[in-house]
């Protein structure tokens, strides 16, 4: 599925959250698709099941996945992700990145082109 960098300073569960988000955002993992069980993924990645559980809980709190008791975790339908707190964090992060890009000389036209590129990538998946 993917690899994690055990030597990274970033905690493994955060890396896992990021990787799974990317797979969901890029439509590699489809709406309502079942995620690997905690035990399966822990064996696959050779990491502690508690780490997987923590990542799944974080993804669920952010609205990327949902769990059904006894059935597992599934990708949340994208139209229904409505987490104001997470959106606020993303907006703040974008503001910081835009400010840094502008400071480094990136034009607003280049930023707009990058946005169109990302939007185009979402449609073509």
PDB file of N, CA and C in Angstrom:
ATOM      1  N   UNK A   1       0.833  -1.201   0.000  1.00  0.00           N
ATOM      2  CA  UNK A   1       0.000   0.000   0.000  1.00  0.00           C
ATOM      3  C   UNK A   1       0.872   1.258   0.000  1.00  0.00           C
ATOM      4  N   UNK A   2       1.804   1.359   0.967  1.00  0.00           N
ATOM      5  CA  UNK A   2       2.728   2.481   1.057  1.00  0.00           C
ATOM      6  C   UNK A   2       3.787   2.175   2.080  1.00  0.00           C
ATOM      7  N   UNK A   3       4.782   3.045   2.160  1.00  0.00           N
ATOM      8  CA  UNK A   3       5.864   2.848   3.122  1.00  0.00           C
ATOM      9  C   UNK A   3       5.932   4.038   4.064  1.00  0.00           C
ATOM     10  N   UNK A   4       6.376   3.771   5.274  1.00  0.00           N
ATOM     11  CA  UNK A   4       6.558   4.812   6.277  1.00  0.00           C
ATOM     12  C   UNK A   4       8.046   4.948   6.570  1.00  0.00           C
ATOM     13  N   UNK A   5       8.460   6.152   6.927  1.00  0.00           N
ATOM     14  CA  UNK A   5       9.862   6.407   7.231  1.00  0.00           C
ATOM     15  C   UNK A   5      10.072   6.318   8.740  1.00  0.00           C
ATOM     16  N   UNK A   6      10.600   5.185   9.192  1.00  0.00           N
ATOM     17  CA  UNK A   6      10.780   4.982  10.631  1.00  0.00           C
ATOM     18  C   UNK A   6      11.863   5.886  11.214  1.00  0.00           C
ATOM     19  N   UNK A   7      12.714   6.453  10.357  1.00  0.00           N
ATOM     20  CA  UNK A   7      13.770   7.351  10.838  1.00  0.00           C
ATOM     21  C   UNK A   7      13.327   8.813  10.871  1.00  0.00           C
ATOM     22  N   UNK A   8      12.138   9.075  10.383  1.00  0.00           N
ATOM     23  CA  UNK A   8      11.621  10.444  10.357  1.00  0.00           C
ATOM     24  C   UNK A   8      11.364  10.938  11.775  1.00  0.00           C
ATOM     25  N   UNK A   9      11.443  12.249  11.942  1.00  0.00           N
ATOM     26  CA  UNK A   9      11.138  12.850  13.240  1.00  0.00           C
ATOM     27  C   UNK A   9       9.625  12.898  13.452  1.00  0.00           C
ATOM     28  N   UNK A  10       8.876  12.794  12.361  1.00  0.00           N
ATOM     29  CA  UNK A  10       7.411  12.825  12.448  1.00  0.00           C
ATOM     30  C   UNK A  10       6.916  11.483  12.982  1.00  0.00           C
ATOM     31  N   UNK A  11       6.029  11.498  13.972  1.00  0.00           N
ATOM     32  CA  UNK A  11       5.524  10.235  14.518  1.00  0.00           C
ATOM     33  C   UNK A  11       4.895   9.355  13.432  1.00  0.00           C
ATOM     34  N   UNK A  12       5.002   8.049  13.620  1.00  0.00           N
ATOM     35  CA  UNK A  12       4.503   7.097  12.625  1.00  0.00           C
ATOM     36  C   UNK A  12       3.003   7.261  12.395  1.00  0.00           C
ATOM     37  N   UNK A  13       2.241   7.484  13.465  1.00  0.00           N
ATOM     38  CA  UNK A  13       0.799   7.602  13.271  1.00  0.00           C
ATOM     39  C   UNK A  13       0.457   8.825  12.421  1.00  0.00           C
ATOM     40  N   UNK A  14       1.230   9.923  12.572  1.00  0.00           N
ATOM     41  CA  UNK A  14       0.997  11.118  11.746  1.00  0.00           C
ATOM     42  C   UNK A  14       1.335  10.833  10.289  1.00  0.00           C
ATOM     43  N   UNK A  15       2.418  10.100  10.046  1.00  0.00           N
ATOM     44  CA  UNK A  15       2.772   9.713   8.675  1.00  0.00           C
ATOM     45  C   UNK A  15       1.655   8.873   8.072  1.00  0.00           C
ATOM     46  N   UNK A  16       1.125   7.964   8.870  1.00  0.00           N
ATOM     47  CA  UNK A  16       0.053   7.090   8.415  1.00  0.00           C
ATOM     48  C   UNK A  16      -1.196   7.899   8.074  1.00  0.00           C
ATOM     49  N   UNK A  17      -1.547   8.841   8.935  1.00  0.00           N
ATOM     50  CA  UNK A  17      -2.697   9.718   8.692  1.00  0.00           C
ATOM     51  C   UNK A  17      -2.508  10.466   7.373  1.00  0.00           C
ATOM     52  N   UNK A  18      -1.316  11.054   7.180  1.00  0.00           N
ATOM     53  CA  UNK A  18      -1.018  11.797   5.952  1.00  0.00           C
ATOM     54  C   UNK A  18      -1.138  10.929   4.705  1.00  0.00           C
ATOM     55  N   UNK A  19      -0.535   9.732   4.764  1.00  0.00           N
ATOM     56  CA  UNK A  19      -0.547   8.829   3.603  1.00  0.00           C
ATOM     57  C   UNK A  19      -1.972   8.411   3.260  1.00  0.00           C
ATOM     58  N   UNK A  20      -2.753   8.059   4.275  1.00  0.00           N
ATOM     59  CA  UNK A  20      -4.124   7.640   4.019  1.00  0.00           C
ATOM     60  C   UNK A  20      -4.966   8.799   3.488  1.00  0.00           C
ATOM     61  N   UNK A  21      -4.753   9.998   4.023  1.00  0.00           N
ATOM     62  CA  UNK A  21      -5.463  11.179   3.509  1.00  0.00           C
ATOM     63  C   UNK A  21      -5.168  11.370   2.022  1.00  0.00           C
ATOM     64  N   UNK A  22      -3.881  11.249   1.655  1.00  0.00           N
ATOM     65  CA  UNK A  22      -3.499  11.416   0.248  1.00  0.00           C
ATOM     66  C   UNK A  22      -4.168  10.372  -0.631  1.00  0.00           C
ATOM     67  N   UNK A  23      -4.221   9.138  -0.160  1.00  0.00           N
ATOM     68  CA  UNK A  23      -4.876   8.072  -0.930  1.00  0.00           C
ATOM     69  C   UNK A  23      -6.371   8.360  -1.097  1.00  0.00           C
ATOM     70  N   UNK A  24      -6.986   8.928  -0.065  1.00  0.00           N
ATOM     71  CA  UNK A  24      -8.411   9.266  -0.130  1.00  0.00           C
ATOM     72  C   UNK A  24      -8.623  10.479  -1.035  1.00  0.00           C
ATOM     73  N   UNK A  25      -7.826  11.518  -0.831  1.00  0.00           N
ATOM     74  CA  UNK A  25      -7.964  12.756  -1.619  1.00  0.00           C
ATOM     75  C   UNK A  25      -7.729  12.487  -3.104  1.00  0.00           C
ATOM     76  N   UNK A  26      -6.742  11.654  -3.406  1.00  0.00           N
ATOM     77  CA  UNK A  26      -6.420  11.354  -4.804  1.00  0.00           C
ATOM     78  C   UNK A  26      -7.270  10.223  -5.373  1.00  0.00           C
ATOM     79  N   UNK A  27      -8.293   9.832  -4.626  1.00  0.00           N
ATOM     80  CA  UNK A  27      -9.272   8.853  -5.082  1.00  0.00           C
ATOM     81  C   UNK A  27      -8.686   7.461  -5.345  1.00  0.00           C
ATOM     82  N   UNK A  28      -7.544   7.179  -4.726  1.00  0.00           N
ATOM     83  CA  UNK A  28      -6.991   5.827  -4.804  1.00  0.00           C
ATOM     84  C   UNK A  28      -7.873   4.926  -3.948  1.00  0.00           C
ATOM     85  N   UNK A  29      -8.244   5.440  -2.770  1.00  0.00           N
ATOM     86  CA  UNK A  29      -9.232   4.773  -1.931  1.00  0.00           C
ATOM     87  C   UNK A  29     -10.572   5.431  -2.225  1.00  0.00           C
ATOM     88  N   UNK A  30     -11.521   4.660  -2.683  1.00  0.00           N
ATOM     89  CA  UNK A  30     -12.821   5.181  -3.126  1.00  0.00           C
ATOM     90  C   UNK A  30     -13.798   5.325  -1.957  1.00  0.00           C
ATOM     91  N   UNK A  31     -14.866   6.098  -2.200  1.00  0.00           N
ATOM     92  CA  UNK A  31     -15.920   6.273  -1.201  1.00  0.00           C
ATOM     93  C   UNK A  31     -16.458   4.924  -0.751  1.00  0.00           C
ATOM     94  N   UNK A  32     -16.665   4.790   0.534  1.00  0.00           N
ATOM     95  CA  UNK A  32     -17.212   3.585   1.167  1.00  0.00           C
ATOM     96  C   UNK A  32     -16.337   2.339   1.003  1.00  0.00           C
ATOM     97  N   UNK A  33     -15.097   2.507   0.519  1.00  0.00           N
ATOM     98  CA  UNK A  33     -14.179   1.375   0.411  1.00  0.00           C
ATOM     99  C   UNK A  33     -13.692   0.997   1.801  1.00  0.00           C
ATOM    100  N   UNK A  34     -13.625  -0.308   2.056  1.00  0.00           N
ATOM    101  CA  UNK A  34     -13.176  -0.803   3.354  1.00  0.00           C
ATOM    102  C   UNK A  34     -11.660  -0.669   3.447  1.00  0.00           C
ATOM    103  N   UNK A  35     -11.199  -0.120   4.567  1.00  0.00           N
ATOM    104  CA  UNK A  35      -9.769  -0.022   4.831  1.00  0.00           C
ATOM    105  C   UNK A  35      -9.291  -1.353   5.411  1.00  0.00           C
ATOM    106  N   UNK A  36      -7.996  -1.630   5.300  1.00  0.00           N
ATOM    107  CA  UNK A  36      -7.476  -2.856   5.923  1.00  0.00           C
ATOM    108  C   UNK A  36      -7.753  -2.824   7.429  1.00  0.00           C
ATOM    109  N   UNK A  37      -7.956  -3.978   8.012  1.00  0.00           N
ATOM    110  CA  UNK A  37      -8.178  -4.027   9.461  1.00  0.00           C
ATOM    111  C   UNK A  37      -6.917  -3.543  10.168  1.00  0.00           C
ATOM    112  N   UNK A  38      -7.086  -3.162  11.414  1.00  0.00           N
ATOM    113  CA  UNK A  38      -5.953  -2.693  12.217  1.00  0.00           C
ATOM    114  C   UNK A  38      -4.873  -3.775  12.245  1.00  0.00           C
ATOM    115  N   UNK A  39      -5.283  -4.999  12.492  1.00  0.00           N
ATOM    116  CA  UNK A  39      -4.334  -6.115  12.589  1.00  0.00           C
ATOM    117  C   UNK A  39      -3.616  -6.339  11.249  1.00  0.00           C
ATOM    118  N   UNK A  40      -4.387  -6.350  10.151  1.00  0.00           N
ATOM    119  CA  UNK A  40      -3.793  -6.542   8.803  1.00  0.00           C
ATOM    120  C   UNK A  40      -2.734  -5.490   8.507  1.00  0.00           C
ATOM    121  N   UNK A  41      -3.113  -4.220   8.710  1.00  0.00           N
ATOM    122  CA  UNK A  41      -2.209  -3.122   8.383  1.00  0.00           C
ATOM    123  C   UNK A  41      -0.982  -3.123   9.292  1.00  0.00           C
ATOM    124  N   UNK A  42      -1.176  -3.479  10.555  1.00  0.00           N
ATOM    125  CA  UNK A  42      -0.049  -3.552  11.493  1.00  0.00           C
ATOM    126  C   UNK A  42       0.946  -4.608  11.037  1.00  0.00           C
ATOM    127  N   UNK A  43       0.446  -5.756  10.571  1.00  0.00           N
ATOM    128  CA  UNK A  43       1.329  -6.812  10.073  1.00  0.00           C
ATOM    129  C   UNK A  43       2.014  -6.373   8.778  1.00  0.00           C
ATOM    130  N   UNK A  44       1.244  -5.766   7.890  1.00  0.00           N
ATOM    131  CA  UNK A  44       1.774  -5.307   6.602  1.00  0.00           C
ATOM    132  C   UNK A  44       2.914  -4.305   6.784  1.00  0.00           C
ATOM    133  N   UNK A  45       2.718  -3.356   7.698  1.00  0.00           N
ATOM    134  CA  UNK A  45       3.701  -2.284   7.901  1.00  0.00           C
ATOM    135  C   UNK A  45       4.677  -2.599   9.031  1.00  0.00           C
ATOM    136  N   UNK A  46       4.495  -3.722   9.669  1.00  0.00           N
ATOM    137  CA  UNK A  46       5.286  -4.139  10.832  1.00  0.00           C
ATOM    138  C   UNK A  46       5.392  -3.032  11.888  1.00  0.00           C
ATOM    139  N   UNK A  47       4.223  -2.542  12.291  1.00  0.00           N
ATOM    140  CA  UNK A  47       4.159  -1.559  13.375  1.00  0.00           C
ATOM    141  C   UNK A  47       3.080  -1.980  14.365  1.00  0.00           C
ATOM    142  N   UNK A  48       3.104  -1.370  15.520  1.00  0.00           N
ATOM    143  CA  UNK A  48       2.185  -1.695  16.601  1.00  0.00           C
ATOM    144  C   UNK A  48       0.730  -1.409  16.195  1.00  0.00           C
ATOM    145  N   UNK A  49      -0.187  -2.342  16.455  1.00  0.00           N
ATOM    146  CA  UNK A  49      -1.602  -2.113  16.132  1.00  0.00           C
ATOM    147  C   UNK A  49      -2.181  -0.861  16.800  1.00  0.00           C
ATOM    148  N   UNK A  50      -1.667  -0.510  17.989  1.00  0.00           N
ATOM    149  CA  UNK A  50      -2.156   0.705  18.657  1.00  0.00           C
ATOM    150  C   UNK A  50      -1.871   1.956  17.824  1.00  0.00           C
ATOM    151  N   UNK A  51      -0.774   1.933  17.076  1.00  0.00           N
ATOM    152  CA  UNK A  51      -0.414   3.059  16.208  1.00  0.00           C
ATOM    153  C   UNK A  51      -1.437   3.190  15.084  1.00  0.00           C
ATOM    154  N   UNK A  52      -1.820   2.063  14.508  1.00  0.00           N
ATOM    155  CA  UNK A  52      -2.834   2.057  13.436  1.00  0.00           C
ATOM    156  C   UNK A  52      -4.155   2.564  14.001  1.00  0.00           C
ATOM    157  N   UNK A  53      -4.517   2.051  15.171  1.00  0.00           N
ATOM    158  CA  UNK A  53      -5.773   2.449  15.812  1.00  0.00           C
ATOM    159  C   UNK A  53      -5.808   3.960  16.052  1.00  0.00           C
ATOM    160  N   UNK A  54      -4.694   4.506  16.501  1.00  0.00           N
ATOM    161  CA  UNK A  54      -4.603   5.949  16.762  1.00  0.00           C
ATOM    162  C   UNK A  54      -4.786   6.737  15.461  1.00  0.00           C
ATOM    163  N   UNK A  55      -4.159   6.272  14.394  1.00  0.00           N
ATOM    164  CA  UNK A  55      -4.283   6.938  13.090  1.00  0.00           C
ATOM    165  C   UNK A  55      -5.725   6.866  12.594  1.00  0.00           C
ATOM    166  N   UNK A  56      -6.350   5.704  12.717  1.00  0.00           N
ATOM    167  CA  UNK A  56      -7.742   5.550  12.285  1.00  0.00           C
ATOM    168  C   UNK A  56      -8.665   6.471  13.092  1.00  0.00           C
ATOM    169  N   UNK A  57      -8.428   6.575  14.404  1.00  0.00           N
ATOM    170  CA  UNK A  57      -9.245   7.465  15.240  1.00  0.00           C
ATOM    171  C   UNK A  57      -9.103   8.911  14.782  1.00  0.00           C
ATOM    172  N   UNK A  58      -7.859   9.308  14.466  1.00  0.00           N
ATOM    173  CA  UNK A  58      -7.601  10.677  14.003  1.00  0.00           C
ATOM    174  C   UNK A  58      -8.316  10.940  12.675  1.00  0.00           C
ATOM    175  N   UNK A  59      -8.214   9.992  11.747  1.00  0.00           N
ATOM    176  CA  UNK A  59      -8.884  10.140  10.450  1.00  0.00           C
ATOM    177  C   UNK A  59     -10.401  10.206  10.617  1.00  0.00           C
ATOM    178  N   UNK A  60     -10.906   9.445  11.559  1.00  0.00           N
ATOM    179  CA  UNK A  60     -12.351   9.468  11.802  1.00  0.00           C
ATOM    180  C   UNK A  60     -12.769  10.812  12.392  1.00  0.00           C
ATOM    181  N   UNK A  61     -11.969  11.341  13.318  1.00  0.00           N
ATOM    182  CA  UNK A  61     -12.308  12.631  13.927  1.00  0.00           C
ATOM    183  C   UNK A  61     -12.237  13.766  12.907  1.00  0.00           C
ATOM    184  N   UNK A  62     -11.396  13.591  11.884  1.00  0.00           N
ATOM    185  CA  UNK A  62     -11.280  14.606  10.839  1.00  0.00           C
ATOM    186  C   UNK A  62     -12.317  14.412   9.723  1.00  0.00           C
ATOM    187  N   UNK A  63     -13.071  13.329   9.790  1.00  0.00           N
ATOM    188  CA  UNK A  63     -14.140  13.108   8.812  1.00  0.00           C
ATOM    189  C   UNK A  63     -13.716  12.397   7.535  1.00  0.00           C
ATOM    190  N   UNK A  64     -12.544  11.791   7.514  1.00  0.00           N
ATOM    191  CA  UNK A  64     -12.079  11.097   6.317  1.00  0.00           C
ATOM    192  C   UNK A  64     -12.575   9.653   6.249  1.00  0.00           C
ATOM    193  N   UNK A  65     -12.783   9.047   7.415  1.00  0.00           N
ATOM    194  CA  UNK A  65     -13.263   7.670   7.442  1.00  0.00           C
ATOM    195  C   UNK A  65     -14.377   7.548   8.476  1.00  0.00           C
ATOM    196  N   UNK A  66     -15.103   6.436   8.418  1.00  0.00           N
ATOM    197  CA  UNK A  66     -16.089   6.125   9.437  1.00  0.00           C
ATOM    198  C   UNK A  66     -15.955   4.650   9.780  1.00  0.00           C
ATOM    199  N   UNK A  67     -16.402   4.288  10.969  1.00  0.00           N
ATOM    200  CA  UNK A  67     -16.300   2.901  11.422  1.00  0.00           C
ATOM    201  C   UNK A  67     -17.675   2.322  11.656  1.00  0.00           C
ATOM    202  N   UNK A  68     -17.797   1.048  11.366  1.00  0.00           N
ATOM    203  CA  UNK A  68     -19.013   0.304  11.677  1.00  0.00           C
ATOM    204  C   UNK A  68     -18.608  -0.820  12.621  1.00  0.00           C
ATOM    205  N   UNK A  69     -19.244  -0.863  13.769  1.00  0.00           N
ATOM    206  CA  UNK A  69     -18.913  -1.858  14.791  1.00  0.00           C
ATOM    207  C   UNK A  69     -18.963  -3.266  14.196  1.00  0.00           C
ATOM    208  N   UNK A  70     -17.866  -3.977  14.344  1.00  0.00           N
ATOM    209  CA  UNK A  70     -17.801  -5.354  13.869  1.00  0.00           C
ATOM    210  C   UNK A  70     -17.524  -5.512  12.383  1.00  0.00           C
ATOM    211  N   UNK A  71     -17.538  -4.415  11.642  1.00  0.00           N
ATOM    212  CA  UNK A  71     -17.322  -4.493  10.188  1.00  0.00           C
ATOM    213  C   UNK A  71     -16.026  -3.845   9.744  1.00  0.00           C
ATOM    214  N   UNK A  72     -15.548  -2.838  10.474  1.00  0.00           N
ATOM    215  CA  UNK A  72     -14.298  -2.184  10.128  1.00  0.00           C
ATOM    216  C   UNK A  72     -14.436  -0.708   9.840  1.00  0.00           C
ATOM    217  N   UNK A  73     -13.401  -0.159   9.190  1.00  0.00           N
ATOM    218  CA  UNK A  73     -13.348   1.270   8.852  1.00  0.00           C
ATOM    219  C   UNK A  73     -13.464   1.438   7.349  1.00  0.00           C
ATOM    220  N   UNK A  74     -14.157   2.508   6.955  1.00  0.00           N
ATOM    221  CA  UNK A  74     -14.449   2.754   5.550  1.00  0.00           C
ATOM    222  C   UNK A  74     -14.173   4.214   5.208  1.00  0.00           C
ATOM    223  N   UNK A  75     -13.905   4.466   3.918  1.00  0.00           N
ATOM    224  CA  UNK A  75     -13.677   5.831   3.435  1.00  0.00           C
ATOM    225  C   UNK A  75     -15.010   6.573   3.434  1.00  0.00           C
ATOM    226  N   UNK A  76     -14.997   7.741   4.032  1.00  0.00           N
ATOM    227  CA  UNK A  76     -16.198   8.572   4.094  1.00  0.00           C
ATOM    228  C   UNK A  76     -16.492   9.156   2.713  1.00  0.00           C
ATOM    229  N   UNK A  77     -17.753   9.166   2.282  1.00  0.00           N
ATOM    230  CA  UNK A  77     -18.077   9.828   1.014  1.00  0.00           C
ATOM    231  C   UNK A  77     -17.637  11.294   1.070  1.00  0.00           C
ATOM    232  N   UNK A  78     -16.883  11.735   0.048  1.00  0.00           N
ATOM    233  CA  UNK A  78     -16.236  13.048   0.077  1.00  0.00           C
ATOM    234  C   UNK A  78     -17.196  14.213   0.242  1.00  0.00           C
ATOM    235  N   UNK A  79     -18.372  14.134  -0.327  1.00  0.00           N
ATOM    236  CA  UNK A  79     -19.324  15.238  -0.230  1.00  0.00           C
ATOM    237  C   UNK A  79     -19.817  15.468   1.180  1.00  0.00           C
ATOM    238  N   UNK A  80     -19.626  14.472   2.042  1.00  0.00           N
ATOM    239  CA  UNK A  80     -20.178  14.573   3.389  1.00  0.00           C
ATOM    240  C   UNK A  80     -19.148  14.965   4.430  1.00  0.00           C
ATOM    241  N   UNK A  81     -17.896  15.168   4.032  1.00  0.00           N
ATOM    242  CA  UNK A  81     -16.881  15.577   5.000  1.00  0.00           C
ATOM    243  C   UNK A  81     -17.160  17.035   5.345  1.00  0.00           C
ATOM    244  N   UNK A  82     -17.557  17.259   6.579  1.00  0.00           N
ATOM    245  CA  UNK A  82     -17.888  18.613   7.009  1.00  0.00           C
ATOM    246  C   UNK A  82     -17.329  18.822   8.405  1.00  0.00           C
ATOM    247  N   UNK A  83     -16.063  19.116   8.458  1.00  0.00           N
ATOM    248  CA  UNK A  83     -15.415  19.294   9.742  1.00  0.00           C
ATOM    249  C   UNK A  83     -14.852  20.713   9.762  1.00  0.00           C
ATOM    250  N   UNK A  84     -15.586  21.611  10.358  1.00  0.00           N
ATOM    251  CA  UNK A  84     -15.203  23.024  10.373  1.00  0.00           C
ATOM    252  C   UNK A  84     -13.832  23.254  11.000  1.00  0.00           C
ATOM    253  N   UNK A  85     -13.525  22.519  12.057  1.00  0.00           N
ATOM    254  CA  UNK A  85     -12.242  22.700  12.724  1.00  0.00           C
ATOM    255  C   UNK A  85     -11.088  22.323  11.783  1.00  0.00           C
ATOM    256  N   UNK A  86     -11.241  21.210  11.085  1.00  0.00           N
ATOM    257  CA  UNK A  86     -10.202  20.762  10.150  1.00  0.00           C
ATOM    258  C   UNK A  86     -10.076  21.754   8.989  1.00  0.00           C
ATOM    259  N   UNK A  87     -11.210  22.244   8.481  1.00  0.00           N
ATOM    260  CA  UNK A  87     -11.189  23.241   7.400  1.00  0.00           C
ATOM    261  C   UNK A  87     -10.480  24.510   7.852  1.00  0.00           C
ATOM    262  N   UNK A  88     -10.727  24.907   9.075  1.00  0.00           N
ATOM    263  CA  UNK A  88     -10.082  26.106   9.614  1.00  0.00           C
ATOM    264  C   UNK A  88      -8.564  25.914   9.653  1.00  0.00           C
ATOM    265  N   UNK A  89      -8.113  24.718  10.108  1.00  0.00           N
ATOM    266  CA  UNK A  89      -6.677  24.429  10.155  1.00  0.00           C
ATOM    267  C   UNK A  89      -6.065  24.470   8.762  1.00  0.00           C
ATOM    268  N   UNK A  90      -6.758  23.882   7.792  1.00  0.00           N
ATOM    269  CA  UNK A  90      -6.254  23.841   6.416  1.00  0.00           C
ATOM    270  C   UNK A  90      -6.158  25.261   5.863  1.00  0.00           C
ATOM    271  N   UNK A  91      -7.184  26.076   6.115  1.00  0.00           N
ATOM    272  CA  UNK A  91      -7.167  27.469   5.634  1.00  0.00           C
ATOM    273  C   UNK A  91      -5.985  28.241   6.223  1.00  0.00           C
ATOM    274  N   UNK A  92      -5.760  28.069   7.527  1.00  0.00           N
ATOM    275  CA  UNK A  92      -4.641  28.758   8.184  1.00  0.00           C
ATOM    276  C   UNK A  92      -3.305  28.304   7.596  1.00  0.00           C
ATOM    277  N   UNK A  93      -3.180  27.001   7.356  1.00  0.00           N
ATOM    278  CA  UNK A  93      -1.949  26.459   6.772  1.00  0.00           C
ATOM    279  C   UNK A  93      -1.750  27.019   5.361  1.00  0.00           C
ATOM    280  N   UNK A  94      -2.831  27.097   4.586  1.00  0.00           N
ATOM    281  CA  UNK A  94      -2.739  27.664   3.232  1.00  0.00           C
ATOM    282  C   UNK A  94      -2.298  29.126   3.281  1.00  0.00           C
ATOM    283  N   UNK A  95      -2.858  29.889   4.213  1.00  0.00           N
ATOM    284  CA  UNK A  95      -2.461  31.298   4.350  1.00  0.00           C
ATOM    285  C   UNK A  95      -0.963  31.418   4.588  1.00  0.00           C
ATOM    286  N   UNK A  96      -0.444  30.568   5.499  1.00  0.00           N
ATOM    287  CA  UNK A  96       0.995  30.597   5.799  1.00  0.00           C
ATOM    288  C   UNK A  96       1.802  30.251   4.554  1.00  0.00           C
ATOM    289  N   UNK A  97       1.372  29.215   3.846  1.00  0.00           N
ATOM    290  CA  UNK A  97       2.096  28.791   2.646  1.00  0.00           C
ATOM    291  C   UNK A  97       2.035  29.858   1.548  1.00  0.00           C
ATOM    292  N   UNK A  98       0.858  30.477   1.377  1.00  0.00           N
ATOM    293  CA  UNK A  98       0.728  31.545   0.378  1.00  0.00           C
ATOM    294  C   UNK A  98       1.642  32.716   0.735  1.00  0.00           C
ATOM    295  N   UNK A  99       1.643  33.109   2.012  1.00  0.00           N
ATOM    296  CA  UNK A  99       2.488  34.224   2.453  1.00  0.00           C
ATOM    297  C   UNK A  99       3.962  33.911   2.190  1.00  0.00           C
ATOM    298  N   UNK A 100       4.378  32.695   2.499  1.00  0.00           N
ATOM    299  CA  UNK A 100       5.767  32.300   2.273  1.00  0.00           C
ATOM    300  C   UNK A 100       6.094  32.291   0.780  1.00  0.00           C
ATOM    301  N   UNK A 101       5.173  31.755  -0.026  1.00  0.00           N
ATOM    302  CA  UNK A 101       5.389  31.705  -1.475  1.00  0.00           C
ATOM    303  C   UNK A 101       5.512  33.112  -2.055  1.00  0.00           C
ATOM    304  N   UNK A 102       4.641  34.012  -1.636  1.00  0.00           N
ATOM    305  CA  UNK A 102       4.675  35.397  -2.121  1.00  0.00           C
ATOM    306  C   UNK A 102       5.983  36.068  -1.688  1.00  0.00           C
ATOM    307  N   UNK A 103       6.387  35.830  -0.445  1.00  0.00           N
ATOM    308  CA  UNK A 103       7.644  36.386   0.055  1.00  0.00           C
ATOM    309  C   UNK A 103       8.827  35.899  -0.785  1.00  0.00           C
ATOM    310  N   UNK A 104       8.756  34.639  -1.218  1.00  0.00           N
ATOM    311  CA  UNK A 104       9.843  34.055  -2.013  1.00  0.00           C
ATOM    312  C   UNK A 104       9.751  34.407  -3.502  1.00  0.00           C
ATOM    313  N   UNK A 105       8.724  35.183  -3.857  1.00  0.00           N
ATOM    314  CA  UNK A 105       8.644  35.668  -5.229  1.00  0.00           C
ATOM    315  C   UNK A 105       7.689  34.928  -6.155  1.00  0.00           C
ATOM    316  N   UNK A 106       6.880  34.045  -5.619  1.00  0.00           N
ATOM    317  CA  UNK A 106       5.895  33.354  -6.454  1.00  0.00           C
ATOM    318  C   UNK A 106       4.754  34.327  -6.724  1.00  0.00           C
ATOM    319  N   UNK A 107       4.389  34.476  -7.981  1.00  0.00           N
ATOM    320  CA  UNK A 107       3.321  35.417  -8.333  1.00  0.00           C
ATOM    321  C   UNK A 107       1.952  34.804  -8.073  1.00  0.00           C
ATOM    322  N   UNK A 108       0.957  35.678  -7.960  1.00  0.00           N
ATOM    323  CA  UNK A 108      -0.411  35.181  -7.742  1.00  0.00           C
ATOM    324  C   UNK A 108      -0.880  34.376  -8.956  1.00  0.00           C
ATOM    325  N   UNK A 109      -0.354  34.702 -10.145  1.00  0.00           N
ATOM    326  CA  UNK A 109      -0.704  33.933 -11.346  1.00  0.00           C
ATOM    327  C   UNK A 109      -0.160  32.513 -11.239  1.00  0.00           C
ATOM    328  N   UNK A 110       1.068  32.379 -10.709  1.00  0.00           N
ATOM    329  CA  UNK A 110       1.658  31.046 -10.528  1.00  0.00           C
ATOM    330  C   UNK A 110       0.874  30.245  -9.484  1.00  0.00           C
ATOM    331  N   UNK A 111       0.447  30.934  -8.429  1.00  0.00           N
ATOM    332  CA  UNK A 111      -0.354  30.267  -7.396  1.00  0.00           C
ATOM    333  C   UNK A 111      -1.677  29.795  -7.998  1.00  0.00           C
ATOM    334  N   UNK A 112      -2.305  30.662  -8.793  1.00  0.00           N
ATOM    335  CA  UNK A 112      -3.571  30.294  -9.441  1.00  0.00           C
ATOM    336  C   UNK A 112      -3.367  29.111 -10.391  1.00  0.00           C
ATOM    337  N   UNK A 113      -2.244  29.102 -11.115  1.00  0.00           N
ATOM    338  CA  UNK A 113      -1.944  27.997 -12.030  1.00  0.00           C
ATOM    339  C   UNK A 113      -1.771  26.689 -11.251  1.00  0.00           C
ATOM    340  N   UNK A 114      -1.110  26.768 -10.104  1.00  0.00           N
ATOM    341  CA  UNK A 114      -0.948  25.576  -9.266  1.00  0.00           C
ATOM    342  C   UNK A 114      -2.300  25.063  -8.774  1.00  0.00           C
ATOM    343  N   UNK A 115      -3.168  25.984  -8.397  1.00  0.00           N
ATOM    344  CA  UNK A 115      -4.504  25.601  -7.944  1.00  0.00           C
ATOM    345  C   UNK A 115      -5.270  24.903  -9.072  1.00  0.00           C
ATOM    346  N   UNK A 116      -5.196  25.476 -10.278  1.00  0.00           N
ATOM    347  CA  UNK A 116      -5.872  24.849 -11.435  1.00  0.00           C
ATOM    348  C   UNK A 116      -5.302  23.455 -11.701  1.00  0.00           C
ATOM    349  N   UNK A 117      -3.984  23.315 -11.532  1.00  0.00           N
ATOM    350  CA  UNK A 117      -3.326  22.023 -11.738  1.00  0.00           C
ATOM    351  C   UNK A 117      -3.857  20.983 -10.746  1.00  0.00           C
ATOM    352  N   UNK A 118      -3.989  21.397  -9.490  1.00  0.00           N
ATOM    353  CA  UNK A 118      -4.504  20.493  -8.455  1.00  0.00           C
ATOM    354  C   UNK A 118      -5.967  20.147  -8.741  1.00  0.00           C
ATOM    355  N   UNK A 119      -6.759  21.152  -9.094  1.00  0.00           N
ATOM    356  CA  UNK A 119      -8.168  20.904  -9.410  1.00  0.00           C
ATOM    357  C   UNK A 119      -8.293  19.959 -10.609  1.00  0.00           C
ATOM    358  N   UNK A 120      -7.461  20.172 -11.614  1.00  0.00           N
ATOM    359  CA  UNK A 120      -7.472  19.318 -12.798  1.00  0.00           C
ATOM    360  C   UNK A 120      -7.105  17.889 -12.461  1.00  0.00           C
ATOM    361  N   UNK A 121      -6.160  17.715 -11.541  1.00  0.00           N
ATOM    362  CA  UNK A 121      -5.755  16.385 -11.113  1.00  0.00           C
ATOM    363  C   UNK A 121      -6.876  15.654 -10.401  1.00  0.00           C
ATOM    364  N   UNK A 122      -7.715  16.401  -9.678  1.00  0.00           N
ATOM    365  CA  UNK A 122      -8.840  15.798  -8.965  1.00  0.00           C
ATOM    366  C   UNK A 122      -9.877  15.269  -9.947  1.00  0.00           C
ATOM    367  N   UNK A 123     -10.109  15.999 -11.033  1.00  0.00           N
ATOM    368  CA  UNK A 123     -11.125  15.596 -12.012  1.00  0.00           C
ATOM    369  C   UNK A 123     -10.670  14.408 -12.848  1.00  0.00           C
ATOM    370  N   UNK A 124      -9.364  14.326 -13.098  1.00  0.00           N
ATOM    371  CA  UNK A 124      -8.859  13.299 -14.019  1.00  0.00           C
ATOM    372  C   UNK A 124      -8.633  11.947 -13.356  1.00  0.00           C
ATOM    373  N   UNK A 125      -8.785  11.863 -12.029  1.00  0.00           N
ATOM    374  CA  UNK A 125      -8.512  10.595 -11.335  1.00  0.00           C
ATOM    375  C   UNK A 125      -9.559   9.548 -11.611  1.00  0.00           C
TER     376      UNK A 125
END
